[in-house]
Every structure is written in structure tokens, then in C-alpha cells.
Amino acid sequence: MTEIEKLTNEIKLATDYQINKRILREKIQTDLHVTYNGGLFKVTPELIAFLGTWDSDELFLEDTYQNPIKIQRAEFLTQCRQHYQNVMNSWHIQHEQIRRARKV
């Protein structure tokens, strides 16, 4: 790839920053889904807070397909925290990459 082609690609990335940012957010929203005990759940700070404050070890939660799924609270909370942090770290890294491209 020539220097002009590299520069052209970088300029295109820079001008498409807002579009790329929106697309990245949509991808991350999809990545936030996690499976547990046959259900599919979107991990959110609200879900993590709910699981952290619930006082029972077992409970039933509605998944994204509106099915009641039996949950082992502590196990699911640990899985949700880890998954959420991994996705947020990935989002931050990818966002920094497109942000740097904007500054060409």
C-alpha cells in the first residue's frame, strides 16, 4: 500500500468517526449478551446491581426471550461482572483506535 493510499484510508476513517463510533456502540451492545442456564441475558449495570443486592441464593429472572430462568445468584453475578468488564475494556480499546484515526 502506498503512502497516498494509507493517507486516504486514514482521512476516510477520520471523517467517518461519528459513524464508526455509532457502529462500534451497536456492536458492543450485542456483545453484552451472555448465556446462562439456557437463557440469554443482556448484562447491564442495573442487572449487576440487582444481583449484588438480592439476598437469596436462587432466583428466577426473565431472559431476553421472556423466559423465566433459574439463576444461582453468586455464580451468575460473577459471570456478569467478568463479562461486562471484558466487553467494556474491549470497547474502550476500540474507541481509542477510532478516536486516534480521527486526529489524522
N, C-alpha and C. Protein backbone atom coordinates (compact mmCIF):
# COMPACT_ATOMS: atom_id res chain seq x y z
N MET A 1 0.85 -1.17 0.00
CA MET A 1 0.00 0.00 0.00
C MET A 1 0.90 1.24 0.00
N THR A 2 0.64 2.15 -0.90
CA THR A 2 1.46 3.35 -1.00
C THR A 2 1.10 4.32 0.13
N GLU A 3 1.95 5.32 0.29
CA GLU A 3 1.72 6.33 1.33
C GLU A 3 0.43 7.10 1.07
N ILE A 4 0.14 7.37 -0.18
CA ILE A 4 -1.09 8.10 -0.52
C ILE A 4 -2.32 7.27 -0.17
N GLU A 5 -2.27 5.98 -0.46
CA GLU A 5 -3.40 5.11 -0.12
C GLU A 5 -3.59 5.04 1.39
N LYS A 6 -2.48 4.94 2.13
CA LYS A 6 -2.56 4.92 3.60
C LYS A 6 -3.18 6.21 4.12
N LEU A 7 -2.72 7.33 3.57
CA LEU A 7 -3.24 8.62 4.00
C LEU A 7 -4.72 8.76 3.65
N THR A 8 -5.10 8.30 2.48
CA THR A 8 -6.50 8.35 2.07
C THR A 8 -7.37 7.52 3.01
N ASN A 9 -6.90 6.34 3.36
CA ASN A 9 -7.65 5.49 4.29
C ASN A 9 -7.77 6.14 5.66
N GLU A 10 -6.70 6.75 6.13
CA GLU A 10 -6.73 7.42 7.44
C GLU A 10 -7.69 8.61 7.43
N ILE A 11 -7.69 9.37 6.35
CA ILE A 11 -8.61 10.51 6.25
C ILE A 11 -10.06 10.04 6.22
N LYS A 12 -10.29 8.96 5.48
CA LYS A 12 -11.65 8.40 5.44
C LYS A 12 -12.09 7.98 6.83
N LEU A 13 -11.22 7.32 7.58
CA LEU A 13 -11.55 6.93 8.95
C LEU A 13 -11.83 8.14 9.82
N ALA A 14 -11.03 9.18 9.64
CA ALA A 14 -11.21 10.39 10.44
C ALA A 14 -12.55 11.06 10.15
N THR A 15 -12.95 11.10 8.91
CA THR A 15 -14.22 11.76 8.58
C THR A 15 -15.42 10.91 8.94
N ASP A 16 -15.22 9.62 9.06
CA ASP A 16 -16.30 8.71 9.40
C ASP A 16 -16.37 8.42 10.90
N TYR A 17 -15.73 9.24 11.72
CA TYR A 17 -15.63 8.98 13.16
C TYR A 17 -16.99 8.75 13.81
N GLN A 18 -17.93 9.65 13.60
CA GLN A 18 -19.23 9.52 14.26
C GLN A 18 -19.97 8.25 13.82
N ILE A 19 -19.86 7.94 12.55
CA ILE A 19 -20.48 6.71 12.04
C ILE A 19 -19.83 5.49 12.67
N ASN A 20 -18.50 5.49 12.69
CA ASN A 20 -17.76 4.37 13.28
C ASN A 20 -18.05 4.25 14.77
N LYS A 21 -18.19 5.36 15.45
CA LYS A 21 -18.48 5.35 16.88
C LYS A 21 -19.86 4.73 17.13
N ARG A 22 -20.85 5.09 16.33
CA ARG A 22 -22.19 4.54 16.47
C ARG A 22 -22.21 3.04 16.17
N ILE A 23 -21.53 2.63 15.12
CA ILE A 23 -21.46 1.22 14.75
C ILE A 23 -20.78 0.42 15.86
N LEU A 24 -19.71 0.97 16.41
CA LEU A 24 -19.00 0.29 17.49
C LEU A 24 -19.90 0.12 18.70
N ARG A 25 -20.67 1.15 19.05
CA ARG A 25 -21.57 1.06 20.20
C ARG A 25 -22.63 -0.02 19.97
N GLU A 26 -23.16 -0.09 18.76
CA GLU A 26 -24.16 -1.12 18.45
C GLU A 26 -23.56 -2.51 18.57
N LYS A 27 -22.32 -2.67 18.13
CA LYS A 27 -21.64 -3.96 18.25
C LYS A 27 -21.44 -4.33 19.71
N ILE A 28 -21.03 -3.36 20.50
CA ILE A 28 -20.79 -3.61 21.92
C ILE A 28 -22.09 -3.98 22.63
N GLN A 29 -23.19 -3.33 22.26
CA GLN A 29 -24.48 -3.65 22.87
C GLN A 29 -24.84 -5.12 22.61
N THR A 30 -24.50 -5.61 21.44
CA THR A 30 -24.73 -7.02 21.12
C THR A 30 -23.78 -7.92 21.91
N ASP A 31 -22.53 -7.48 22.05
CA ASP A 31 -21.53 -8.26 22.78
C ASP A 31 -21.86 -8.39 24.27
N LEU A 32 -22.69 -7.52 24.79
CA LEU A 32 -23.03 -7.56 26.21
C LEU A 32 -23.93 -8.74 26.58
N HIS A 33 -24.42 -9.47 25.60
CA HIS A 33 -25.28 -10.62 25.89
C HIS A 33 -24.45 -11.81 26.37
N VAL A 34 -25.01 -12.50 27.34
CA VAL A 34 -24.35 -13.68 27.91
C VAL A 34 -25.40 -14.77 28.10
N THR A 35 -24.98 -16.00 27.90
CA THR A 35 -25.89 -17.13 28.11
C THR A 35 -25.68 -17.69 29.51
N TYR A 36 -26.78 -18.15 30.09
CA TYR A 36 -26.70 -18.79 31.40
C TYR A 36 -27.90 -19.71 31.56
N ASN A 37 -27.64 -20.96 31.86
CA ASN A 37 -28.67 -21.95 32.17
C ASN A 37 -29.78 -21.99 31.09
N GLY A 38 -29.39 -21.90 29.84
CA GLY A 38 -30.35 -21.97 28.75
C GLY A 38 -31.03 -20.66 28.41
N GLY A 39 -30.65 -19.58 29.08
CA GLY A 39 -31.24 -18.28 28.80
C GLY A 39 -30.22 -17.32 28.24
N LEU A 40 -30.70 -16.25 27.65
CA LEU A 40 -29.83 -15.21 27.10
C LEU A 40 -30.15 -13.90 27.82
N PHE A 41 -29.12 -13.29 28.40
CA PHE A 41 -29.30 -12.08 29.19
C PHE A 41 -28.37 -10.98 28.69
N LYS A 42 -28.87 -9.75 28.71
CA LYS A 42 -28.03 -8.60 28.40
C LYS A 42 -27.48 -8.09 29.74
N VAL A 43 -26.16 -8.07 29.85
CA VAL A 43 -25.52 -7.64 31.09
C VAL A 43 -25.48 -6.11 31.11
N THR A 44 -26.10 -5.54 32.12
CA THR A 44 -26.14 -4.09 32.30
C THR A 44 -25.73 -3.78 33.74
N PRO A 45 -25.35 -2.53 34.00
CA PRO A 45 -25.06 -2.17 35.39
C PRO A 45 -26.26 -2.42 36.31
N GLU A 46 -27.47 -2.24 35.78
CA GLU A 46 -28.66 -2.48 36.58
C GLU A 46 -28.80 -3.96 36.96
N LEU A 47 -28.52 -4.85 36.02
CA LEU A 47 -28.58 -6.29 36.32
C LEU A 47 -27.53 -6.65 37.36
N ILE A 48 -26.34 -6.13 37.20
CA ILE A 48 -25.26 -6.41 38.16
C ILE A 48 -25.64 -5.90 39.55
N ALA A 49 -26.19 -4.69 39.62
CA ALA A 49 -26.61 -4.12 40.91
C ALA A 49 -27.73 -4.96 41.53
N PHE A 50 -28.69 -5.37 40.72
CA PHE A 50 -29.79 -6.21 41.21
C PHE A 50 -29.25 -7.51 41.80
N LEU A 51 -28.38 -8.17 41.06
CA LEU A 51 -27.83 -9.43 41.54
C LEU A 51 -26.99 -9.23 42.81
N GLY A 52 -26.31 -8.09 42.88
CA GLY A 52 -25.47 -7.80 44.04
C GLY A 52 -26.26 -7.52 45.30
N THR A 53 -27.47 -7.05 45.17
CA THR A 53 -28.27 -6.70 46.34
C THR A 53 -29.31 -7.74 46.71
N TRP A 54 -29.59 -8.68 45.83
CA TRP A 54 -30.59 -9.70 46.13
C TRP A 54 -30.08 -10.58 47.25
N ASP A 55 -30.95 -10.95 48.19
CA ASP A 55 -30.49 -11.67 49.38
C ASP A 55 -30.62 -13.19 49.30
N SER A 56 -31.23 -13.70 48.28
CA SER A 56 -31.44 -15.14 48.13
C SER A 56 -30.39 -15.73 47.19
N ASP A 57 -30.04 -17.00 47.42
CA ASP A 57 -29.04 -17.66 46.56
C ASP A 57 -29.60 -18.08 45.21
N GLU A 58 -30.88 -18.42 45.18
CA GLU A 58 -31.52 -18.82 43.93
C GLU A 58 -32.67 -17.88 43.63
N LEU A 59 -32.86 -17.60 42.36
CA LEU A 59 -33.99 -16.79 41.94
C LEU A 59 -34.30 -17.09 40.48
N PHE A 60 -35.41 -16.59 40.03
CA PHE A 60 -35.79 -16.72 38.62
C PHE A 60 -35.75 -15.34 37.99
N LEU A 61 -35.08 -15.25 36.84
CA LEU A 61 -35.00 -13.99 36.10
C LEU A 61 -35.56 -14.20 34.69
N GLU A 62 -36.15 -13.16 34.17
CA GLU A 62 -36.65 -13.19 32.80
C GLU A 62 -35.48 -12.89 31.85
N ASP A 63 -35.29 -13.76 30.87
CA ASP A 63 -34.23 -13.52 29.89
C ASP A 63 -34.74 -12.64 28.76
N THR A 64 -33.90 -12.41 27.76
CA THR A 64 -34.28 -11.50 26.67
C THR A 64 -35.42 -12.07 25.81
N TYR A 65 -35.64 -13.38 25.90
CA TYR A 65 -36.74 -14.00 25.15
C TYR A 65 -37.98 -14.18 26.02
N GLN A 66 -38.00 -13.52 27.17
CA GLN A 66 -39.13 -13.51 28.09
C GLN A 66 -39.43 -14.89 28.67
N ASN A 67 -38.35 -15.65 28.94
CA ASN A 67 -38.47 -16.94 29.60
C ASN A 67 -37.95 -16.82 31.02
N PRO A 68 -38.62 -17.44 31.99
CA PRO A 68 -38.10 -17.43 33.35
C PRO A 68 -36.96 -18.46 33.48
N ILE A 69 -35.81 -18.00 33.91
CA ILE A 69 -34.63 -18.86 34.01
C ILE A 69 -34.17 -18.91 35.46
N LYS A 70 -33.91 -20.12 35.94
CA LYS A 70 -33.43 -20.30 37.31
C LYS A 70 -31.95 -19.87 37.38
N ILE A 71 -31.66 -19.02 38.35
CA ILE A 71 -30.33 -18.43 38.47
C ILE A 71 -29.71 -18.78 39.82
N GLN A 72 -28.46 -19.16 39.80
CA GLN A 72 -27.65 -19.24 41.02
C GLN A 72 -26.99 -17.87 41.13
N ARG A 73 -27.49 -17.04 42.03
CA ARG A 73 -27.16 -15.63 42.09
C ARG A 73 -25.65 -15.34 42.11
N ALA A 74 -24.92 -15.93 43.03
CA ALA A 74 -23.49 -15.62 43.18
C ALA A 74 -22.71 -16.01 41.92
N GLU A 75 -23.02 -17.18 41.38
CA GLU A 75 -22.33 -17.66 40.18
C GLU A 75 -22.61 -16.74 38.98
N PHE A 76 -23.90 -16.40 38.81
CA PHE A 76 -24.29 -15.55 37.69
C PHE A 76 -23.73 -14.14 37.85
N LEU A 77 -23.71 -13.63 39.07
CA LEU A 77 -23.15 -12.30 39.34
C LEU A 77 -21.68 -12.25 38.95
N THR A 78 -20.92 -13.26 39.33
CA THR A 78 -19.50 -13.31 38.97
C THR A 78 -19.33 -13.34 37.46
N GLN A 79 -20.12 -14.17 36.79
CA GLN A 79 -20.05 -14.27 35.32
C GLN A 79 -20.41 -12.93 34.68
N CYS A 80 -21.45 -12.27 35.18
CA CYS A 80 -21.88 -10.99 34.61
C CYS A 80 -20.81 -9.91 34.80
N ARG A 81 -20.24 -9.84 35.99
CA ARG A 81 -19.20 -8.83 36.25
C ARG A 81 -18.00 -9.02 35.32
N GLN A 82 -17.55 -10.25 35.20
CA GLN A 82 -16.39 -10.52 34.34
C GLN A 82 -16.70 -10.20 32.88
N HIS A 83 -17.86 -10.63 32.43
CA HIS A 83 -18.24 -10.40 31.03
C HIS A 83 -18.38 -8.91 30.75
N TYR A 84 -19.05 -8.20 31.65
CA TYR A 84 -19.26 -6.76 31.47
C TYR A 84 -17.92 -6.03 31.40
N GLN A 85 -17.01 -6.36 32.31
CA GLN A 85 -15.72 -5.69 32.33
C GLN A 85 -14.90 -5.99 31.07
N ASN A 86 -14.94 -7.24 30.61
CA ASN A 86 -14.23 -7.60 29.38
C ASN A 86 -14.76 -6.82 28.18
N VAL A 87 -16.08 -6.72 28.07
CA VAL A 87 -16.69 -6.01 26.95
C VAL A 87 -16.37 -4.51 27.04
N MET A 88 -16.45 -3.94 28.24
CA MET A 88 -16.15 -2.52 28.40
C MET A 88 -14.68 -2.22 28.09
N ASN A 89 -13.78 -3.10 28.49
CA ASN A 89 -12.36 -2.92 28.15
C ASN A 89 -12.15 -2.97 26.64
N SER A 90 -12.79 -3.92 26.00
CA SER A 90 -12.70 -4.03 24.54
C SER A 90 -13.25 -2.79 23.87
N TRP A 91 -14.38 -2.29 24.35
CA TRP A 91 -14.98 -1.09 23.79
C TRP A 91 -14.04 0.09 23.93
N HIS A 92 -13.44 0.23 25.09
CA HIS A 92 -12.52 1.35 25.32
C HIS A 92 -11.34 1.30 24.35
N ILE A 93 -10.77 0.13 24.18
CA ILE A 93 -9.62 -0.02 23.28
C ILE A 93 -10.02 0.31 21.85
N GLN A 94 -11.14 -0.22 21.39
CA GLN A 94 -11.59 0.03 20.02
C GLN A 94 -11.97 1.50 19.82
N HIS A 95 -12.58 2.10 20.84
CA HIS A 95 -12.95 3.52 20.74
C HIS A 95 -11.70 4.38 20.64
N GLU A 96 -10.68 4.07 21.40
CA GLU A 96 -9.43 4.82 21.32
C GLU A 96 -8.82 4.71 19.93
N GLN A 97 -8.93 3.56 19.31
CA GLN A 97 -8.39 3.38 17.96
C GLN A 97 -9.11 4.26 16.95
N ILE A 98 -10.43 4.29 17.00
CA ILE A 98 -11.14 5.14 16.03
C ILE A 98 -10.98 6.61 16.38
N ARG A 99 -10.81 6.92 17.65
CA ARG A 99 -10.59 8.32 18.04
C ARG A 99 -9.23 8.82 17.54
N ARG A 100 -8.22 7.97 17.63
CA ARG A 100 -6.90 8.34 17.12
C ARG A 100 -6.93 8.55 15.61
N ALA A 101 -7.70 7.73 14.92
CA ALA A 101 -7.81 7.85 13.45
C ALA A 101 -8.44 9.18 13.07
N ARG A 102 -9.29 9.70 13.92
CA ARG A 102 -9.96 10.97 13.66
C ARG A 102 -8.98 12.13 13.68
N LYS A 103 -7.89 11.98 14.42
CA LYS A 103 -6.93 13.08 14.60
C LYS A 103 -5.88 13.16 13.52
N VAL A 104 -6.09 12.49 12.41
CA VAL A 104 -5.10 12.49 11.33
C VAL A 104 -4.86 13.90 10.83
